Amino acid sequence: MVTELVRWNEEAISICTLFSSQPSTLATNVKVVFTCLLDQVSQYITDELERARESLNEAAALRERFMLSTIVSRRVAAAAASAAEAAAAAGESSFRSFMVVVQRCASSVAIVQQYFANCISRLLLPEDGAHAASCEEMATAMSSAEIAAYKGLQKCIETVMAEVDWLLSAEQKATDYRLPDDGIAPDH
């Protein structure tokens, strides 16, 4: 999708080049057209990350439903084990999916940065400050995607930690070592 947006932006820049007789006018027009690309790519990436994060939230909600199994009796916990394993599998799947989306989004950002460096940057030079302003706009546009990625990565960490907690509570025997309630290991 981002490659297509960049291609459309290249076409728009070509049209600007045809109709802009002065280099400073061209720079102004290129800056406006490139800003449109940044807005669209930022929205696309953020939406993709938010959708992937939503699947993490759904898996977390499923997992929370079956975390009760550590509180109730072992017999009830055994009956809920398969459902809990399904919740864990959903968490693992959503984790993997989120990481794939993060990788795709990082590739999309790299495509836009490369496009800027190879095509846009030189066209902005005739206008004072246009290059720096576009770099700043690029950073600002990507910040919303970074925030969405950060929230999703936090949810991934929560997913992994919840799975570890569940496995430890399900697999740990009464004779296994457990930290005291205060969390401080005894001094032997």
Protein backbone atom coordinates (compact mmCIF):
# COMPACT_ATOMS: atom_id res chain seq x y z
CA MET A 1 0.00 0.00 0.00
CA VAL A 2 2.73 2.49 0.95
CA THR A 3 4.63 1.72 -2.25
CA GLU A 4 1.49 2.63 -4.18
CA LEU A 5 1.07 5.87 -2.20
CA VAL A 6 4.68 6.77 -2.96
CA ARG A 7 4.14 6.03 -6.65
CA TRP A 8 1.08 8.31 -6.69
CA ASN A 9 3.13 10.96 -4.92
CA GLU A 10 5.84 10.65 -7.57
CA GLU A 11 3.20 11.23 -10.25
CA ALA A 12 1.93 14.31 -8.42
CA ILE A 13 5.50 15.62 -8.09
CA SER A 14 6.02 15.08 -11.83
CA ILE A 15 2.93 17.17 -12.53
CA CYS A 16 4.22 19.86 -10.15
CA THR A 17 7.51 19.86 -12.05
CA LEU A 18 5.67 20.44 -15.33
CA PHE A 19 3.57 23.33 -14.00
CA SER A 20 6.08 25.05 -11.70
CA SER A 21 8.37 27.37 -13.64
CA GLN A 22 10.36 28.71 -10.67
CA PRO A 23 12.45 26.42 -8.43
CA SER A 24 11.08 28.09 -5.28
CA THR A 25 7.49 27.55 -6.47
CA LEU A 26 8.33 23.94 -7.25
CA ALA A 27 9.83 23.52 -3.78
CA THR A 28 6.70 24.93 -2.15
CA ASN A 29 4.43 22.66 -4.20
CA VAL A 30 6.61 19.59 -3.59
CA LYS A 31 6.54 20.27 0.14
CA VAL A 32 2.72 20.41 0.12
CA VAL A 33 2.40 17.22 -1.94
CA PHE A 34 4.96 15.38 0.20
CA THR A 35 3.11 16.46 3.36
CA CYS A 36 -0.03 14.83 1.93
CA LEU A 37 1.94 11.61 1.47
CA LEU A 38 3.21 11.80 5.05
CA ASP A 39 -0.33 12.26 6.35
CA GLN A 40 -1.63 9.26 4.39
CA VAL A 41 1.27 6.97 5.30
CA SER A 42 1.08 7.96 8.95
CA GLN A 43 -2.65 7.24 9.03
CA TYR A 44 -2.22 3.92 7.23
CA ILE A 45 0.60 2.73 9.51
CA THR A 46 -1.17 3.87 12.68
CA ASP A 47 -4.39 2.14 11.62
CA GLU A 48 -2.51 -1.09 10.87
CA LEU A 49 -0.81 -1.01 14.26
CA GLU A 50 -4.06 -0.21 16.06
CA ARG A 51 -5.83 -3.14 14.37
CA ALA A 52 -3.01 -5.48 15.34
CA ARG A 53 -3.05 -4.12 18.89
CA GLU A 54 -6.78 -4.76 19.07
CA SER A 55 -6.15 -8.45 18.42
CA LEU A 56 -3.68 -8.36 21.32
CA ASN A 57 -6.39 -6.81 23.49
CA GLU A 58 -8.87 -9.50 22.46
CA ALA A 59 -6.36 -12.24 23.31
CA ALA A 60 -5.67 -10.55 26.66
CA ALA A 61 -9.40 -10.47 27.43
CA LEU A 62 -9.65 -14.16 26.58
CA ARG A 63 -6.65 -14.89 28.76
CA GLU A 64 -8.13 -12.90 31.66
CA ARG A 65 -11.28 -15.05 31.52
CA PHE A 66 -9.18 -18.13 32.16
CA MET A 67 -6.81 -16.63 34.73
CA LEU A 68 -9.52 -17.46 37.26
CA SER A 69 -8.40 -21.07 36.95
CA THR A 70 -5.47 -20.31 39.25
CA ILE A 71 -7.85 -19.13 41.95
CA VAL A 72 -10.40 -21.96 41.91
CA SER A 73 -9.86 -25.62 42.79
CA ARG A 74 -7.44 -27.83 40.87
CA ARG A 75 -10.32 -29.90 39.48
CA VAL A 76 -11.99 -26.83 38.01
CA ALA A 77 -8.60 -25.62 36.82
CA ALA A 78 -8.01 -28.93 35.02
CA ALA A 79 -11.38 -28.61 33.29
CA ALA A 80 -10.48 -25.11 32.11
CA ALA A 81 -6.96 -26.08 31.00
CA SER A 82 -7.86 -26.63 27.36
CA ALA A 83 -9.66 -23.29 27.22
CA ALA A 84 -6.68 -21.63 28.87
CA GLU A 85 -4.36 -23.25 26.34
CA ALA A 86 -6.57 -21.91 23.55
CA ALA A 87 -6.32 -18.46 25.13
CA ALA A 88 -2.53 -18.83 25.30
CA ALA A 89 -2.45 -19.87 21.64
CA ALA A 90 -4.53 -16.81 20.74
CA GLY A 91 -2.08 -14.64 22.66
CA GLU A 92 0.87 -16.21 20.88
CA SER A 93 -0.79 -15.82 17.50
CA SER A 94 -1.70 -12.18 18.11
CA PHE A 95 1.84 -11.54 19.39
CA ARG A 96 3.31 -12.96 16.17
CA SER A 97 0.83 -11.05 14.03
CA PHE A 98 1.64 -7.80 15.79
CA MET A 99 5.36 -8.31 15.23
CA VAL A 100 4.73 -8.92 11.51
CA VAL A 101 2.76 -5.68 11.34
CA VAL A 102 5.55 -3.80 13.15
CA GLN A 103 8.05 -5.18 10.64
CA ARG A 104 5.84 -4.14 7.69
CA CYS A 105 5.38 -0.68 9.16
CA ALA A 106 9.12 -0.28 9.69
CA SER A 107 9.63 -1.23 6.03
CA SER A 108 7.02 1.34 5.02
CA VAL A 109 8.79 4.06 6.99
CA ALA A 110 12.07 3.08 5.32
CA ILE A 111 10.41 3.34 1.88
CA VAL A 112 9.20 6.88 2.65
CA GLN A 113 12.58 7.91 4.05
CA GLN A 114 14.36 6.53 1.00
CA TYR A 115 11.90 8.29 -1.31
CA PHE A 116 12.51 11.54 0.56
CA ALA A 117 16.30 11.16 0.35
CA ASN A 118 16.35 10.12 -3.31
CA CYS A 119 13.64 12.33 -4.84
CA ILE A 120 12.12 14.97 -2.59
CA SER A 121 15.14 16.32 -0.76
CA ARG A 122 16.85 17.89 -3.80
CA LEU A 123 13.61 19.54 -4.95
CA LEU A 124 13.22 21.32 -1.61
CA LEU A 125 16.67 22.94 -1.56
CA PRO A 126 15.73 26.13 -3.47
CA GLU A 127 13.36 27.20 -0.66
CA ASP A 128 15.03 28.20 2.61
CA GLY A 129 14.05 25.91 5.43
CA ALA A 130 11.82 23.65 3.32
CA HIS A 131 14.11 20.65 3.69
CA ALA A 132 14.37 21.00 7.46
CA ALA A 133 10.63 21.62 7.77
CA SER A 134 9.86 18.48 5.75
CA CYS A 135 12.22 16.45 7.92
CA GLU A 136 10.41 17.75 10.99
CA GLU A 137 7.02 16.95 9.42
CA MET A 138 8.24 13.45 8.63
CA ALA A 139 9.26 12.94 12.27
CA THR A 140 5.93 14.32 13.50
CA ALA A 141 3.94 12.15 11.09
CA MET A 142 5.73 9.01 12.24
CA SER A 143 5.34 9.84 15.94
CA SER A 144 1.70 8.68 16.01
CA ALA A 145 2.78 5.38 14.49
CA GLU A 146 5.57 5.11 17.05
CA ILE A 147 3.06 5.67 19.86
CA ALA A 148 0.79 2.95 18.45
CA ALA A 149 3.76 0.59 18.10
CA TYR A 150 4.87 1.35 21.66
CA LYS A 151 1.40 0.58 23.05
CA GLY A 152 1.31 -2.66 21.11
CA LEU A 153 4.78 -3.68 22.22
CA GLN A 154 3.75 -3.00 25.83
CA LYS A 155 0.75 -5.28 25.28
CA CYS A 156 3.10 -7.92 23.82
CA ILE A 157 5.24 -7.77 26.95
CA GLU A 158 2.11 -8.07 29.10
CA THR A 159 1.04 -11.08 27.03
CA VAL A 160 4.37 -12.84 27.50
CA MET A 161 4.48 -12.05 31.22
CA ALA A 162 0.91 -13.28 31.74
CA GLU A 163 1.75 -16.51 29.94
CA VAL A 164 4.84 -16.98 32.11
CA ASP A 165 2.80 -16.30 35.26
CA TRP A 166 0.12 -18.74 34.15
CA LEU A 167 2.65 -21.46 33.30
CA LEU A 168 4.45 -21.03 36.59
CA SER A 169 1.26 -21.15 38.62
CA ALA A 170 -0.05 -24.14 36.66
CA GLU A 171 3.19 -26.12 36.64
CA GLN A 172 4.84 -25.17 39.91
CA LYS A 173 4.45 -27.77 42.65
CA ALA A 174 3.98 -27.01 46.32
CA THR A 175 7.52 -28.25 46.97
CA ASP A 176 9.06 -25.93 44.37
CA TYR A 177 10.75 -22.78 45.52
CA ARG A 178 8.51 -19.73 45.81
CA LEU A 179 9.50 -16.23 46.82
CA PRO A 180 8.01 -15.04 50.08
CA ASP A 181 4.99 -12.72 49.84
CA ASP A 182 7.17 -9.64 50.28
CA GLY A 183 9.19 -10.62 47.20
CA ILE A 184 12.53 -10.54 49.03
CA ALA A 185 14.55 -13.73 48.82
CA PRO A 186 15.59 -15.18 52.20
CA ASP A 187 19.18 -14.64 53.29
CA HIS A 188 20.65 -18.12 53.82
